[in-house]
Amino acid sequence: MEKITSSLEELTLNDGVTVTLTMNFARLLYLRGHGREKEVAAGMAMLNARELDMLDCPKLFYCAYLCANEEPAYTFEEFTALIPFDLEICAKLFQKLTTSKKK
């Protein structure tokens, strides 16, 4: 059986800070149980979307940011304002975050 692992991805924000992003069940469940239901629901909605809506990508990216960072430095509004407006980068990052890596 192939082992499926979560990938860690990086995104350099407009303020020059590089943040780590990931999606995994353990962190999603932890966040959902600790007052982050709204963010988890928004991120999961993106995973279930049939088409990529670039205006919804910040929701998935913020959810992945929360999964990777136990003490986030940015609110959703701050984080969203700092995401580079580069559709190619956003599309690639979306693909990486929503596809499991097999080993």
N, C-alpha and C. Protein backbone atom coordinates (compact mmCIF):
# COMPACT_ATOMS: atom_id res chain seq x y z
N MET A 1 0.84 -1.17 0.00
CA MET A 1 0.00 0.00 0.00
C MET A 1 0.89 1.24 0.00
N GLU A 2 0.50 2.23 -0.80
CA GLU A 2 1.27 3.46 -0.87
C GLU A 2 0.96 4.34 0.34
N LYS A 3 1.98 4.97 0.87
CA LYS A 3 1.81 5.88 1.99
C LYS A 3 1.50 7.27 1.44
N ILE A 4 0.45 7.89 1.96
CA ILE A 4 0.06 9.23 1.55
C ILE A 4 0.45 10.20 2.66
N THR A 5 1.19 11.24 2.30
CA THR A 5 1.66 12.20 3.30
C THR A 5 1.15 13.60 2.97
N SER A 6 1.11 14.43 3.99
CA SER A 6 0.77 15.84 3.79
C SER A 6 2.01 16.55 3.29
N SER A 7 1.80 17.48 2.41
CA SER A 7 2.94 18.25 1.93
C SER A 7 2.96 19.60 2.63
N LEU A 8 4.16 20.10 2.83
CA LEU A 8 4.34 21.45 3.34
C LEU A 8 4.69 22.33 2.16
N GLU A 9 3.94 23.38 1.99
CA GLU A 9 4.17 24.32 0.91
C GLU A 9 4.52 25.67 1.50
N GLU A 10 5.19 26.49 0.72
CA GLU A 10 5.55 27.82 1.18
C GLU A 10 4.95 28.87 0.26
N LEU A 11 4.61 30.00 0.86
CA LEU A 11 4.09 31.15 0.11
C LEU A 11 4.77 32.39 0.66
N THR A 12 5.38 33.16 -0.22
CA THR A 12 5.99 34.43 0.18
C THR A 12 4.95 35.52 0.03
N LEU A 13 4.62 36.16 1.13
CA LEU A 13 3.61 37.21 1.16
C LEU A 13 4.19 38.53 0.69
N ASN A 14 3.33 39.48 0.42
CA ASN A 14 3.76 40.79 -0.07
C ASN A 14 4.60 41.57 0.93
N ASP A 15 4.59 41.18 2.20
CA ASP A 15 5.44 41.86 3.18
C ASP A 15 6.82 41.22 3.28
N GLY A 16 7.09 40.23 2.41
CA GLY A 16 8.39 39.57 2.37
C GLY A 16 8.51 38.36 3.27
N VAL A 17 7.51 38.11 4.09
CA VAL A 17 7.53 36.96 4.99
C VAL A 17 7.09 35.71 4.23
N THR A 18 7.84 34.63 4.40
CA THR A 18 7.47 33.35 3.80
C THR A 18 6.77 32.52 4.86
N VAL A 19 5.55 32.07 4.55
CA VAL A 19 4.76 31.27 5.49
C VAL A 19 4.63 29.85 4.97
N THR A 20 4.45 28.93 5.91
CA THR A 20 4.25 27.52 5.58
C THR A 20 2.76 27.23 5.56
N LEU A 21 2.35 26.41 4.59
CA LEU A 21 0.95 26.00 4.44
C LEU A 21 0.90 24.47 4.34
N THR A 22 -0.15 23.88 4.88
CA THR A 22 -0.37 22.44 4.73
C THR A 22 -1.84 22.14 4.97
N MET A 23 -2.28 21.00 4.52
CA MET A 23 -3.63 20.52 4.80
C MET A 23 -3.50 19.09 5.31
N ASN A 24 -4.04 18.83 6.51
CA ASN A 24 -4.10 17.45 6.99
C ASN A 24 -5.25 17.30 7.96
N PHE A 25 -5.76 16.09 8.06
CA PHE A 25 -6.96 15.84 8.86
C PHE A 25 -6.76 16.16 10.34
N ALA A 26 -5.62 15.78 10.90
CA ALA A 26 -5.40 16.01 12.33
C ALA A 26 -5.50 17.49 12.68
N ARG A 27 -4.85 18.33 11.90
CA ARG A 27 -4.89 19.77 12.17
C ARG A 27 -6.27 20.36 11.88
N LEU A 28 -6.94 19.89 10.82
CA LEU A 28 -8.29 20.39 10.53
C LEU A 28 -9.24 20.07 11.67
N LEU A 29 -9.17 18.85 12.18
CA LEU A 29 -10.03 18.47 13.30
C LEU A 29 -9.69 19.26 14.56
N TYR A 30 -8.41 19.48 14.80
CA TYR A 30 -7.99 20.29 15.95
C TYR A 30 -8.56 21.71 15.83
N LEU A 31 -8.39 22.32 14.67
CA LEU A 31 -8.87 23.68 14.47
C LEU A 31 -10.38 23.76 14.63
N ARG A 32 -11.08 22.77 14.06
CA ARG A 32 -12.54 22.77 14.15
C ARG A 32 -13.00 22.67 15.61
N GLY A 33 -12.26 21.94 16.42
CA GLY A 33 -12.61 21.79 17.82
C GLY A 33 -12.15 22.92 18.71
N HIS A 34 -11.41 23.87 18.15
CA HIS A 34 -10.87 24.97 18.95
C HIS A 34 -11.25 26.34 18.38
N GLY A 35 -12.50 26.48 18.00
CA GLY A 35 -13.02 27.79 17.63
C GLY A 35 -12.72 28.27 16.22
N ARG A 36 -12.26 27.40 15.35
CA ARG A 36 -11.94 27.81 13.98
C ARG A 36 -12.85 27.12 12.96
N GLU A 37 -14.10 26.86 13.36
CA GLU A 37 -15.04 26.15 12.49
C GLU A 37 -15.25 26.86 11.16
N LYS A 38 -15.36 28.19 11.23
CA LYS A 38 -15.61 29.00 10.02
C LYS A 38 -14.48 28.84 9.00
N GLU A 39 -13.24 28.92 9.48
CA GLU A 39 -12.08 28.81 8.59
C GLU A 39 -11.97 27.41 8.00
N VAL A 40 -12.22 26.40 8.82
CA VAL A 40 -12.15 25.01 8.34
C VAL A 40 -13.24 24.77 7.30
N ALA A 41 -14.45 25.24 7.56
CA ALA A 41 -15.56 25.06 6.61
C ALA A 41 -15.25 25.73 5.28
N ALA A 42 -14.68 26.93 5.32
CA ALA A 42 -14.34 27.63 4.08
C ALA A 42 -13.26 26.89 3.31
N GLY A 43 -12.25 26.39 4.00
CA GLY A 43 -11.19 25.62 3.35
C GLY A 43 -11.71 24.33 2.75
N MET A 44 -12.57 23.64 3.48
CA MET A 44 -13.12 22.37 2.99
C MET A 44 -14.04 22.61 1.79
N ALA A 45 -14.75 23.72 1.78
CA ALA A 45 -15.62 24.04 0.64
C ALA A 45 -14.79 24.16 -0.63
N MET A 46 -13.61 24.74 -0.51
CA MET A 46 -12.72 24.86 -1.68
C MET A 46 -12.25 23.49 -2.14
N LEU A 47 -12.00 22.58 -1.21
CA LEU A 47 -11.56 21.24 -1.59
C LEU A 47 -12.65 20.50 -2.35
N ASN A 48 -13.90 20.81 -2.06
CA ASN A 48 -15.02 20.13 -2.70
C ASN A 48 -15.52 20.85 -3.96
N ALA A 49 -14.94 21.99 -4.27
CA ALA A 49 -15.37 22.76 -5.44
C ALA A 49 -15.03 22.04 -6.73
N ARG A 50 -15.92 22.12 -7.68
CA ARG A 50 -15.68 21.48 -8.98
C ARG A 50 -14.78 22.34 -9.86
N GLU A 51 -14.83 23.64 -9.67
CA GLU A 51 -14.01 24.55 -10.45
C GLU A 51 -13.25 25.47 -9.51
N LEU A 52 -12.08 25.86 -9.92
CA LEU A 52 -11.26 26.76 -9.13
C LEU A 52 -11.78 28.18 -9.29
N ASP A 53 -12.21 28.78 -8.19
CA ASP A 53 -12.62 30.18 -8.17
C ASP A 53 -11.51 30.94 -7.47
N MET A 54 -10.75 31.71 -8.23
CA MET A 54 -9.58 32.39 -7.70
C MET A 54 -9.91 33.30 -6.52
N LEU A 55 -11.13 33.83 -6.48
CA LEU A 55 -11.49 34.72 -5.38
C LEU A 55 -11.75 33.96 -4.08
N ASP A 56 -11.89 32.64 -4.17
CA ASP A 56 -12.06 31.83 -2.97
C ASP A 56 -10.73 31.23 -2.49
N CYS A 57 -9.69 31.32 -3.29
CA CYS A 57 -8.40 30.76 -2.91
C CYS A 57 -7.87 31.27 -1.57
N PRO A 58 -8.03 32.56 -1.25
CA PRO A 58 -7.54 33.01 0.05
C PRO A 58 -8.12 32.23 1.24
N LYS A 59 -9.36 31.76 1.10
CA LYS A 59 -9.98 30.97 2.18
C LYS A 59 -9.23 29.67 2.38
N LEU A 60 -8.91 28.99 1.28
CA LEU A 60 -8.16 27.74 1.37
C LEU A 60 -6.75 28.00 1.88
N PHE A 61 -6.11 29.03 1.38
CA PHE A 61 -4.74 29.34 1.79
C PHE A 61 -4.69 29.69 3.29
N TYR A 62 -5.68 30.43 3.78
CA TYR A 62 -5.68 30.78 5.19
C TYR A 62 -5.92 29.54 6.05
N CYS A 63 -6.81 28.67 5.61
CA CYS A 63 -7.04 27.42 6.33
C CYS A 63 -5.75 26.60 6.38
N ALA A 64 -5.04 26.52 5.27
CA ALA A 64 -3.77 25.79 5.21
C ALA A 64 -2.71 26.46 6.06
N TYR A 65 -2.75 27.79 6.14
CA TYR A 65 -1.84 28.55 7.00
C TYR A 65 -2.10 28.21 8.46
N LEU A 66 -3.38 28.16 8.85
CA LEU A 66 -3.72 27.80 10.23
C LEU A 66 -3.31 26.36 10.55
N CYS A 67 -3.45 25.47 9.58
CA CYS A 67 -3.04 24.07 9.80
C CYS A 67 -1.54 23.97 10.05
N ALA A 68 -0.77 24.79 9.40
CA ALA A 68 0.69 24.69 9.51
C ALA A 68 1.27 25.52 10.66
N ASN A 69 0.49 26.42 11.22
CA ASN A 69 1.02 27.34 12.23
C ASN A 69 0.14 27.35 13.47
N GLU A 70 0.65 26.80 14.56
CA GLU A 70 -0.14 26.72 15.79
C GLU A 70 -0.42 28.10 16.39
N GLU A 71 0.47 29.04 16.16
CA GLU A 71 0.25 30.40 16.66
C GLU A 71 0.35 31.37 15.48
N PRO A 72 -0.75 31.51 14.72
CA PRO A 72 -0.71 32.36 13.53
C PRO A 72 -0.45 33.82 13.85
N ALA A 73 0.36 34.44 13.01
CA ALA A 73 0.71 35.85 13.19
C ALA A 73 -0.27 36.78 12.48
N TYR A 74 -1.10 36.23 11.59
CA TYR A 74 -2.00 37.07 10.79
C TYR A 74 -3.46 36.67 11.00
N THR A 75 -4.33 37.68 10.99
CA THR A 75 -5.76 37.42 10.91
C THR A 75 -6.08 37.11 9.45
N PHE A 76 -7.29 36.65 9.19
CA PHE A 76 -7.69 36.37 7.81
C PHE A 76 -7.56 37.61 6.95
N GLU A 77 -8.01 38.74 7.46
CA GLU A 77 -7.98 39.98 6.69
C GLU A 77 -6.55 40.41 6.38
N GLU A 78 -5.67 40.31 7.38
CA GLU A 78 -4.26 40.67 7.17
C GLU A 78 -3.61 39.72 6.16
N PHE A 79 -3.86 38.43 6.33
CA PHE A 79 -3.28 37.42 5.46
C PHE A 79 -3.73 37.63 4.01
N THR A 80 -5.03 37.83 3.84
CA THR A 80 -5.59 38.02 2.50
C THR A 80 -4.99 39.23 1.81
N ALA A 81 -4.79 40.31 2.55
CA ALA A 81 -4.22 41.53 1.97
C ALA A 81 -2.78 41.32 1.51
N LEU A 82 -2.10 40.32 2.07
CA LEU A 82 -0.69 40.09 1.76
C LEU A 82 -0.44 38.99 0.72
N ILE A 83 -1.49 38.30 0.30
CA ILE A 83 -1.31 37.26 -0.73
C ILE A 83 -0.99 37.94 -2.06
N PRO A 84 0.09 37.52 -2.71
CA PRO A 84 0.42 38.15 -4.00
C PRO A 84 -0.67 37.87 -5.04
N PHE A 85 -1.01 38.90 -5.80
CA PHE A 85 -2.03 38.73 -6.84
C PHE A 85 -1.34 38.21 -8.10
N ASP A 86 -1.04 36.93 -8.06
CA ASP A 86 -0.39 36.24 -9.17
C ASP A 86 -1.19 34.96 -9.40
N LEU A 87 -2.00 34.97 -10.44
CA LEU A 87 -2.92 33.86 -10.68
C LEU A 87 -2.20 32.54 -10.92
N GLU A 88 -1.04 32.58 -11.54
CA GLU A 88 -0.28 31.36 -11.79
C GLU A 88 0.20 30.75 -10.47
N ILE A 89 0.75 31.57 -9.59
CA ILE A 89 1.21 31.08 -8.29
C ILE A 89 0.02 30.53 -7.50
N CYS A 90 -1.09 31.24 -7.49
CA CYS A 90 -2.26 30.79 -6.74
C CYS A 90 -2.80 29.46 -7.28
N ALA A 91 -2.85 29.31 -8.59
CA ALA A 91 -3.35 28.07 -9.18
C ALA A 91 -2.43 26.89 -8.83
N LYS A 92 -1.11 27.10 -8.91
CA LYS A 92 -0.16 26.04 -8.58
C LYS A 92 -0.25 25.66 -7.11
N LEU A 93 -0.35 26.66 -6.24
CA LEU A 93 -0.44 26.40 -4.81
C LEU A 93 -1.73 25.68 -4.47
N PHE A 94 -2.82 26.08 -5.09
CA PHE A 94 -4.10 25.39 -4.89
C PHE A 94 -3.95 23.91 -5.26
N GLN A 95 -3.35 23.64 -6.40
CA GLN A 95 -3.16 22.26 -6.87
C GLN A 95 -2.31 21.46 -5.88
N LYS A 96 -1.23 22.05 -5.40
CA LYS A 96 -0.35 21.35 -4.47
C LYS A 96 -1.04 21.06 -3.14
N LEU A 97 -1.82 22.00 -2.66
CA LEU A 97 -2.49 21.81 -1.37
C LEU A 97 -3.64 20.82 -1.43
N THR A 98 -4.23 20.66 -2.59
CA THR A 98 -5.40 19.78 -2.69
C THR A 98 -5.08 18.41 -3.28
N THR A 99 -3.82 18.14 -3.51
CA THR A 99 -3.40 16.85 -4.05
C THR A 99 -2.47 16.17 -3.06
N SER A 100 -2.81 14.96 -2.67
CA SER A 100 -1.95 14.21 -1.73
C SER A 100 -0.71 13.72 -2.44
N LYS A 101 0.38 13.67 -1.69
CA LYS A 101 1.61 13.10 -2.22
C LYS A 101 1.70 11.65 -1.80
N LYS A 102 2.01 10.78 -2.75
CA LYS A 102 2.14 9.36 -2.44
C LYS A 102 3.61 8.99 -2.40
N LYS A 103 3.95 8.17 -1.42
CA LYS A 103 5.33 7.69 -1.30
C LYS A 103 5.35 6.19 -1.39
